[in-house]
Amino acid sequence: ISTNYADSVKGRFTISRDNAKNTLTLQMNSLK
């Protein structure tokens, strides 16, 4: 349940996981 983010992406990127599908996602917003 614990997540960690690099300071440079906090507030812009979101990591999520679908356990049923065994997939990992990274939503990246406000890209630089």
PDB file of all heavy atoms in Angstrom:
ATOM      1  N   ILE A   1       0.796  -1.225   0.000  1.00  0.00           N
ATOM      2  CA  ILE A   1       0.000   0.000   0.000  1.00  0.00           C
ATOM      3  C   ILE A   1       0.826   1.272   0.000  1.00  0.00           C
ATOM      4  O   ILE A   1       0.304   2.346  -0.278  1.00  0.00           O
ATOM      5  CB  ILE A   1      -0.958   0.040   1.216  1.00  0.00           C
ATOM      6  CG1 ILE A   1      -0.166  -0.064   2.524  1.00  0.00           C
ATOM      7  CG2 ILE A   1      -1.999  -1.072   1.113  1.00  0.00           C
ATOM      8  CD1 ILE A   1      -1.004   0.127   3.744  1.00  0.00           C
ATOM      9  N   SER A   2       2.102   1.201   0.312  1.00  0.00           N
ATOM     10  CA  SER A   2       2.925   2.403   0.425  1.00  0.00           C
ATOM     11  C   SER A   2       3.548   2.776  -0.909  1.00  0.00           C
ATOM     12  O   SER A   2       4.087   1.922  -1.603  1.00  0.00           O
ATOM     13  CB  SER A   2       4.039   2.180   1.450  1.00  0.00           C
ATOM     14  OG  SER A   2       3.516   1.959   2.722  1.00  0.00           O
ATOM     15  N   THR A   3       3.468   4.072  -1.241  1.00  0.00           N
ATOM     16  CA  THR A   3       4.084   4.572  -2.459  1.00  0.00           C
ATOM     17  C   THR A   3       5.112   5.645  -2.138  1.00  0.00           C
ATOM     18  O   THR A   3       4.993   6.352  -1.128  1.00  0.00           O
ATOM     19  CB  THR A   3       3.036   5.163  -3.417  1.00  0.00           C
ATOM     20  OG1 THR A   3       2.316   6.198  -2.737  1.00  0.00           O
ATOM     21  CG2 THR A   3       2.061   4.100  -3.894  1.00  0.00           C
ATOM     22  N   ASN A   4       6.111   5.746  -2.988  1.00  0.00           N
ATOM     23  CA  ASN A   4       7.111   6.799  -2.876  1.00  0.00           C
ATOM     24  C   ASN A   4       7.317   7.417  -4.252  1.00  0.00           C
ATOM     25  O   ASN A   4       7.322   6.710  -5.258  1.00  0.00           O
ATOM     26  CB  ASN A   4       8.434   6.240  -2.359  1.00  0.00           C
ATOM     27  CG  ASN A   4       8.332   5.804  -0.911  1.00  0.00           C
ATOM     28  OD1 ASN A   4       8.191   6.621  -0.010  1.00  0.00           O
ATOM     29  ND2 ASN A   4       8.386   4.509  -0.680  1.00  0.00           N
ATOM     30  N   TYR A   5       7.496   8.733  -4.259  1.00  0.00           N
ATOM     31  CA  TYR A   5       7.702   9.466  -5.492  1.00  0.00           C
ATOM     32  C   TYR A   5       8.982  10.299  -5.406  1.00  0.00           C
ATOM     33  O   TYR A   5       9.339  10.799  -4.339  1.00  0.00           O
ATOM     34  CB  TYR A   5       6.537  10.436  -5.762  1.00  0.00           C
ATOM     35  CG  TYR A   5       5.227   9.769  -6.095  1.00  0.00           C
ATOM     36  CD1 TYR A   5       4.337   9.402  -5.089  1.00  0.00           C
ATOM     37  CD2 TYR A   5       4.866   9.518  -7.418  1.00  0.00           C
ATOM     38  CE1 TYR A   5       3.129   8.797  -5.388  1.00  0.00           C
ATOM     39  CE2 TYR A   5       3.651   8.922  -7.733  1.00  0.00           C
ATOM     40  CZ  TYR A   5       2.791   8.565  -6.712  1.00  0.00           C
ATOM     41  OH  TYR A   5       1.595   7.962  -7.026  1.00  0.00           O
ATOM     42  N   ALA A   6       9.622  10.470  -6.546  1.00  0.00           N
ATOM     43  CA  ALA A   6      10.715  11.434  -6.617  1.00  0.00           C
ATOM     44  C   ALA A   6      10.136  12.826  -6.387  1.00  0.00           C
ATOM     45  O   ALA A   6       9.023  13.123  -6.823  1.00  0.00           O
ATOM     46  CB  ALA A   6      11.388  11.366  -7.983  1.00  0.00           C
ATOM     47  N   ASP A   7      10.900  13.671  -5.725  1.00  0.00           N
ATOM     48  CA  ASP A   7      10.413  15.025  -5.445  1.00  0.00           C
ATOM     49  C   ASP A   7      10.051  15.762  -6.735  1.00  0.00           C
ATOM     50  O   ASP A   7       9.100  16.556  -6.756  1.00  0.00           O
ATOM     51  CB  ASP A   7      11.475  15.821  -4.693  1.00  0.00           C
ATOM     52  CG  ASP A   7      11.628  15.368  -3.250  1.00  0.00           C
ATOM     53  OD1 ASP A   7      10.702  14.691  -2.737  1.00  0.00           O
ATOM     54  OD2 ASP A   7      12.660  15.674  -2.642  1.00  0.00           O
ATOM     55  N   SER A   8      10.780  15.476  -7.788  1.00  0.00           N
ATOM     56  CA  SER A   8      10.586  16.202  -9.044  1.00  0.00           C
ATOM     57  C   SER A   8       9.254  15.875  -9.725  1.00  0.00           C
ATOM     58  O   SER A   8       8.826  16.617 -10.617  1.00  0.00           O
ATOM     59  CB  SER A   8      11.732  15.900 -10.007  1.00  0.00           C
ATOM     60  OG  SER A   8      11.798  14.507 -10.270  1.00  0.00           O
ATOM     61  N   VAL A   9       8.593  14.784  -9.317  1.00  0.00           N
ATOM     62  CA  VAL A   9       7.340  14.405  -9.979  1.00  0.00           C
ATOM     63  C   VAL A   9       6.136  14.445  -9.039  1.00  0.00           C
ATOM     64  O   VAL A   9       5.003  14.222  -9.470  1.00  0.00           O
ATOM     65  CB  VAL A   9       7.438  13.000 -10.621  1.00  0.00           C
ATOM     66  CG1 VAL A   9       8.649  12.913 -11.540  1.00  0.00           C
ATOM     67  CG2 VAL A   9       7.466  11.903  -9.577  1.00  0.00           C
ATOM     68  N   LYS A  10       6.367  14.717  -7.778  1.00  0.00           N
ATOM     69  CA  LYS A  10       5.256  14.767  -6.819  1.00  0.00           C
ATOM     70  C   LYS A  10       4.203  15.787  -7.252  1.00  0.00           C
ATOM     71  O   LYS A  10       4.535  16.902  -7.631  1.00  0.00           O
ATOM     72  CB  LYS A  10       5.775  15.114  -5.420  1.00  0.00           C
ATOM     73  CG  LYS A  10       6.458  13.969  -4.714  1.00  0.00           C
ATOM     74  CD  LYS A  10       6.940  14.380  -3.335  1.00  0.00           C
ATOM     75  CE  LYS A  10       7.639  13.224  -2.639  1.00  0.00           C
ATOM     76  NZ  LYS A  10       8.186  13.617  -1.318  1.00  0.00           N
ATOM     77  N   GLY A  11       2.953  15.358  -7.179  1.00  0.00           N
ATOM     78  CA  GLY A  11       1.855  16.243  -7.574  1.00  0.00           C
ATOM     79  C   GLY A  11       1.557  16.213  -9.058  1.00  0.00           C
ATOM     80  O   GLY A  11       0.526  16.745  -9.494  1.00  0.00           O
ATOM     81  N   ARG A  12       2.430  15.603  -9.856  1.00  0.00           N
ATOM     82  CA  ARG A  12       2.219  15.537 -11.309  1.00  0.00           C
ATOM     83  C   ARG A  12       2.026  14.107 -11.793  1.00  0.00           C
ATOM     84  O   ARG A  12       1.263  13.871 -12.741  1.00  0.00           O
ATOM     85  CB  ARG A  12       3.411  16.169 -12.043  1.00  0.00           C
ATOM     86  CG  ARG A  12       3.660  17.612 -11.695  1.00  0.00           C
ATOM     87  CD  ARG A  12       4.734  18.222 -12.603  1.00  0.00           C
ATOM     88  NE  ARG A  12       6.033  17.578 -12.464  1.00  0.00           N
ATOM     89  CZ  ARG A  12       6.689  17.004 -13.469  1.00  0.00           C
ATOM     90  NH1 ARG A  12       6.169  16.983 -14.694  1.00  0.00           N
ATOM     91  NH2 ARG A  12       7.875  16.449 -13.251  1.00  0.00           N
ATOM     92  N   PHE A  13       2.726  13.169 -11.190  1.00  0.00           N
ATOM     93  CA  PHE A  13       2.669  11.762 -11.605  1.00  0.00           C
ATOM     94  C   PHE A  13       1.918  10.949 -10.552  1.00  0.00           C
ATOM     95  O   PHE A  13       2.023  11.229  -9.351  1.00  0.00           O
ATOM     96  CB  PHE A  13       4.073  11.180 -11.755  1.00  0.00           C
ATOM     97  CG  PHE A  13       4.882  11.717 -12.893  1.00  0.00           C
ATOM     98  CD1 PHE A  13       4.480  12.829 -13.629  1.00  0.00           C
ATOM     99  CD2 PHE A  13       6.066  11.097 -13.257  1.00  0.00           C
ATOM    100  CE1 PHE A  13       5.235  13.322 -14.672  1.00  0.00           C
ATOM    101  CE2 PHE A  13       6.840  11.566 -14.303  1.00  0.00           C
ATOM    102  CZ  PHE A  13       6.436  12.684 -15.005  1.00  0.00           C
ATOM    103  N   THR A  14       1.225   9.920 -11.026  1.00  0.00           N
ATOM    104  CA  THR A  14       0.517   9.011 -10.125  1.00  0.00           C
ATOM    105  C   THR A  14       0.763   7.573 -10.548  1.00  0.00           C
ATOM    106  O   THR A  14       0.536   7.218 -11.709  1.00  0.00           O
ATOM    107  CB  THR A  14      -0.996   9.280 -10.134  1.00  0.00           C
ATOM    108  OG1 THR A  14      -1.243  10.651  -9.773  1.00  0.00           O
ATOM    109  CG2 THR A  14      -1.707   8.371  -9.142  1.00  0.00           C
ATOM    110  N   ILE A  15       1.223   6.774  -9.613  1.00  0.00           N
ATOM    111  CA  ILE A  15       1.430   5.347  -9.868  1.00  0.00           C
ATOM    112  C   ILE A  15       0.209   4.585  -9.365  1.00  0.00           C
ATOM    113  O   ILE A  15      -0.353   4.922  -8.316  1.00  0.00           O
ATOM    114  CB  ILE A  15       2.729   4.848  -9.195  1.00  0.00           C
ATOM    115  CG1 ILE A  15       3.062   3.431  -9.656  1.00  0.00           C
ATOM    116  CG2 ILE A  15       2.642   4.957  -7.678  1.00  0.00           C
ATOM    117  CD1 ILE A  15       4.422   2.938  -9.166  1.00  0.00           C
ATOM    118  N   SER A  16      -0.201   3.597 -10.143  1.00  0.00           N
ATOM    119  CA  SER A  16      -1.330   2.770  -9.713  1.00  0.00           C
ATOM    120  C   SER A  16      -1.096   1.341 -10.180  1.00  0.00           C
ATOM    121  O   SER A  16      -0.252   1.082 -11.055  1.00  0.00           O
ATOM    122  CB  SER A  16      -2.647   3.308 -10.276  1.00  0.00           C
ATOM    123  OG  SER A  16      -2.629   3.337 -11.682  1.00  0.00           O
ATOM    124  N   ARG A  17      -1.874   0.448  -9.600  1.00  0.00           N
ATOM    125  CA  ARG A  17      -1.664  -0.986  -9.848  1.00  0.00           C
ATOM    126  C   ARG A  17      -3.016  -1.667  -9.940  1.00  0.00           C
ATOM    127  O   ARG A  17      -3.899  -1.400  -9.136  1.00  0.00           O
ATOM    128  CB  ARG A  17      -0.834  -1.542  -8.700  1.00  0.00           C
ATOM    129  CG  ARG A  17      -0.466  -2.982  -8.765  1.00  0.00           C
ATOM    130  CD  ARG A  17       0.481  -3.313  -7.608  1.00  0.00           C
ATOM    131  NE  ARG A  17      -0.130  -3.020  -6.329  1.00  0.00           N
ATOM    132  CZ  ARG A  17       0.555  -2.976  -5.181  1.00  0.00           C
ATOM    133  NH1 ARG A  17       1.863  -3.172  -5.198  1.00  0.00           N
ATOM    134  NH2 ARG A  17      -0.063  -2.721  -4.052  1.00  0.00           N
ATOM    135  N   ASP A  18      -3.156  -2.530 -10.928  1.00  0.00           N
ATOM    136  CA  ASP A  18      -4.355  -3.355 -11.056  1.00  0.00           C
ATOM    137  C   ASP A  18      -3.950  -4.783 -10.711  1.00  0.00           C
ATOM    138  O   ASP A  18      -3.338  -5.479 -11.528  1.00  0.00           O
ATOM    139  CB  ASP A  18      -4.914  -3.262 -12.480  1.00  0.00           C
ATOM    140  CG  ASP A  18      -6.236  -3.975 -12.630  1.00  0.00           C
ATOM    141  OD1 ASP A  18      -6.451  -5.003 -11.948  1.00  0.00           O
ATOM    142  OD2 ASP A  18      -7.058  -3.532 -13.444  1.00  0.00           O
ATOM    143  N   ASN A  19      -4.285  -5.209  -9.515  1.00  0.00           N
ATOM    144  CA  ASN A  19      -3.848  -6.534  -9.059  1.00  0.00           C
ATOM    145  C   ASN A  19      -4.508  -7.660  -9.853  1.00  0.00           C
ATOM    146  O   ASN A  19      -3.891  -8.694 -10.078  1.00  0.00           O
ATOM    147  CB  ASN A  19      -4.145  -6.691  -7.574  1.00  0.00           C
ATOM    148  CG  ASN A  19      -3.296  -5.766  -6.728  1.00  0.00           C
ATOM    149  OD1 ASN A  19      -2.222  -5.336  -7.134  1.00  0.00           O
ATOM    150  ND2 ASN A  19      -3.791  -5.426  -5.548  1.00  0.00           N
ATOM    151  N   ALA A  20      -5.730  -7.457 -10.267  1.00  0.00           N
ATOM    152  CA  ALA A  20      -6.432  -8.501 -11.015  1.00  0.00           C
ATOM    153  C   ALA A  20      -5.779  -8.736 -12.378  1.00  0.00           C
ATOM    154  O   ALA A  20      -5.679  -9.869 -12.848  1.00  0.00           O
ATOM    155  CB  ALA A  20      -7.894  -8.112 -11.188  1.00  0.00           C
ATOM    156  N   LYS A  21      -5.314  -7.647 -12.999  1.00  0.00           N
ATOM    157  CA  LYS A  21      -4.694  -7.770 -14.315  1.00  0.00           C
ATOM    158  C   LYS A  21      -3.173  -7.869 -14.236  1.00  0.00           C
ATOM    159  O   LYS A  21      -2.516  -8.092 -15.253  1.00  0.00           O
ATOM    160  CB  LYS A  21      -5.083  -6.568 -15.187  1.00  0.00           C
ATOM    161  CG  LYS A  21      -6.568  -6.474 -15.492  1.00  0.00           C
ATOM    162  CD  LYS A  21      -6.857  -5.274 -16.385  1.00  0.00           C
ATOM    163  CE  LYS A  21      -8.342  -5.193 -16.722  1.00  0.00           C
ATOM    164  NZ  LYS A  21      -8.649  -4.016 -17.583  1.00  0.00           N
ATOM    165  N   ASN A  22      -2.644  -7.677 -13.011  1.00  0.00           N
ATOM    166  CA  ASN A  22      -1.190  -7.713 -12.823  1.00  0.00           C
ATOM    167  C   ASN A  22      -0.488  -6.690 -13.716  1.00  0.00           C
ATOM    168  O   ASN A  22       0.481  -6.986 -14.425  1.00  0.00           O
ATOM    169  CB  ASN A  22      -0.631  -9.112 -13.090  1.00  0.00           C
ATOM    170  CG  ASN A  22       0.593  -9.421 -12.248  1.00  0.00           C
ATOM    171  OD1 ASN A  22       0.709  -8.946 -11.116  1.00  0.00           O
ATOM    172  ND2 ASN A  22       1.496 -10.203 -12.780  1.00  0.00           N
ATOM    173  N   THR A  23      -1.012  -5.475 -13.683  1.00  0.00           N
ATOM    174  CA  THR A  23      -0.441  -4.385 -14.478  1.00  0.00           C
ATOM    175  C   THR A  23      -0.134  -3.187 -13.590  1.00  0.00           C
ATOM    176  O   THR A  23      -0.729  -3.014 -12.518  1.00  0.00           O
ATOM    177  CB  THR A  23      -1.394  -3.942 -15.596  1.00  0.00           C
ATOM    178  OG1 THR A  23      -2.650  -3.549 -15.017  1.00  0.00           O
ATOM    179  CG2 THR A  23      -1.635  -5.049 -16.602  1.00  0.00           C
ATOM    180  N   LEU A  24       0.784  -2.393 -14.053  1.00  0.00           N
ATOM    181  CA  LEU A  24       1.233  -1.196 -13.352  1.00  0.00           C
ATOM    182  C   LEU A  24       1.090  -0.015 -14.302  1.00  0.00           C
ATOM    183  O   LEU A  24       1.373  -0.147 -15.496  1.00  0.00           O
ATOM    184  CB  LEU A  24       2.687  -1.366 -12.937  1.00  0.00           C
ATOM    185  CG  LEU A  24       3.303  -0.312 -12.031  1.00  0.00           C
ATOM    186  CD1 LEU A  24       2.693  -0.392 -10.640  1.00  0.00           C
ATOM    187  CD2 LEU A  24       4.811  -0.507 -11.965  1.00  0.00           C
ATOM    188  N   THR A  25       0.653   1.116 -13.773  1.00  0.00           N
ATOM    189  CA  THR A  25       0.424   2.284 -14.609  1.00  0.00           C
ATOM    190  C   THR A  25       1.091   3.510 -14.000  1.00  0.00           C
ATOM    191  O   THR A  25       1.180   3.635 -12.783  1.00  0.00           O
ATOM    192  CB  THR A  25      -1.091   2.551 -14.745  1.00  0.00           C
ATOM    193  OG1 THR A  25      -1.706   1.420 -15.361  1.00  0.00           O
ATOM    194  CG2 THR A  25      -1.356   3.774 -15.587  1.00  0.00           C
ATOM    195  N   LEU A  26       1.575   4.384 -14.864  1.00  0.00           N
ATOM    196  CA  LEU A  26       2.104   5.672 -14.417  1.00  0.00           C
ATOM    197  C   LEU A  26       1.393   6.757 -15.218  1.00  0.00           C
ATOM    198  O   LEU A  26       1.590   6.871 -16.428  1.00  0.00           O
ATOM    199  CB  LEU A  26       3.613   5.754 -14.641  1.00  0.00           C
ATOM    200  CG  LEU A  26       4.275   7.036 -14.122  1.00  0.00           C
ATOM    201  CD1 LEU A  26       4.238   7.048 -12.584  1.00  0.00           C
ATOM    202  CD2 LEU A  26       5.718   7.148 -14.604  1.00  0.00           C
ATOM    203  N   GLN A  27       0.547   7.510 -14.546  1.00  0.00           N
ATOM    204  CA  GLN A  27      -0.129   8.646 -15.171  1.00  0.00           C
ATOM    205  C   GLN A  27       0.756   9.867 -14.976  1.00  0.00           C
ATOM    206  O   GLN A  27       1.058  10.236 -13.843  1.00  0.00           O
ATOM    207  CB  GLN A  27      -1.501   8.873 -14.546  1.00  0.00           C
ATOM    208  CG  GLN A  27      -2.255  10.070 -15.116  1.00  0.00           C
ATOM    209  CD  GLN A  27      -2.621   9.886 -16.569  1.00  0.00           C
ATOM    210  OE1 GLN A  27      -3.066   8.822 -16.978  1.00  0.00           O
ATOM    211  NE2 GLN A  27      -2.418  10.927 -17.373  1.00  0.00           N
ATOM    212  N   MET A  28       1.140  10.485 -16.096  1.00  0.00           N
ATOM    213  CA  MET A  28       2.053  11.627 -16.049  1.00  0.00           C
ATOM    214  C   MET A  28       1.338  12.857 -16.590  1.00  0.00           C
ATOM    215  O   MET A  28       0.952  12.887 -17.760  1.00  0.00           O
ATOM    216  CB  MET A  28       3.308  11.331 -16.876  1.00  0.00           C
ATOM    217  CG  MET A  28       4.018  10.055 -16.442  1.00  0.00           C
ATOM    218  SD  MET A  28       5.571   9.786 -17.324  1.00  0.00           S
ATOM    219  CE  MET A  28       4.962   9.518 -18.987  1.00  0.00           C
ATOM    220  N   ASN A  29       1.155  13.849 -15.736  1.00  0.00           N
ATOM    221  CA  ASN A  29       0.500  15.091 -16.111  1.00  0.00           C
ATOM    222  C   ASN A  29       1.470  16.259 -15.999  1.00  0.00           C
ATOM    223  O   ASN A  29       2.512  16.152 -15.348  1.00  0.00           O
ATOM    224  CB  ASN A  29      -0.716  15.343 -15.225  1.00  0.00           C
ATOM    225  CG  ASN A  29      -1.768  14.266 -15.334  1.00  0.00           C
ATOM    226  OD1 ASN A  29      -1.967  13.671 -16.401  1.00  0.00           O
ATOM    227  ND2 ASN A  29      -2.469  13.993 -14.248  1.00  0.00           N
ATOM    228  N   SER A  30       1.113  17.358 -16.620  1.00  0.00           N
ATOM    229  CA  SER A  30       1.943  18.578 -16.569  1.00  0.00           C
ATOM    230  C   SER A  30       3.396  18.264 -16.893  1.00  0.00           C
ATOM    231  O   SER A  30       4.318  18.674 -16.182  1.00  0.00           O
ATOM    232  CB  SER A  30       1.826  19.231 -15.178  1.00  0.00           C
ATOM    233  OG  SER A  30       0.494  19.544 -14.865  1.00  0.00           O
ATOM    234  N   LEU A  31       3.588  17.534 -17.973  1.00  0.00           N
ATOM    235  CA  LEU A  31       4.941  17.094 -18.329  1.00  0.00           C
ATOM    236  C   LEU A  31       5.840  18.273 -18.679  1.00  0.00           C
ATOM    237  O   LEU A  31       5.382  19.290 -19.235  1.00  0.00           O
ATOM    238  CB  LEU A  31       4.873  16.104 -19.489  1.00  0.00           C
ATOM    239  CG  LEU A  31       4.438  14.696 -19.083  1.00  0.00           C
ATOM    240  CD1 LEU A  31       3.937  13.907 -20.278  1.00  0.00           C
ATOM    241  CD2 LEU A  31       5.581  13.969 -18.402  1.00  0.00           C
ATOM    242  N   LYS A  32       7.106  18.106 -18.339  1.00  0.00           N
ATOM    243  CA  LYS A  32       8.125  19.125 -18.580  1.00  0.00           C
ATOM    244  C   LYS A  32       9.217  18.550 -19.470  1.00  0.00           C
ATOM    245  O   LYS A  32       9.425  17.324 -19.481  1.00  0.00           O
ATOM    246  CB  LYS A  32       8.750  19.569 -17.252  1.00  0.00           C
ATOM    247  CG  LYS A  32       7.749  20.086 -16.229  1.00  0.00           C
ATOM    248  CD  LYS A  32       8.442  20.376 -14.912  1.00  0.00           C
ATOM    249  CE  LYS A  32       7.449  20.886 -13.872  1.00  0.00           C
ATOM    250  NZ  LYS A  32       8.128  21.175 -12.571  1.00  0.00           N
TER     251      LYS A  32
END
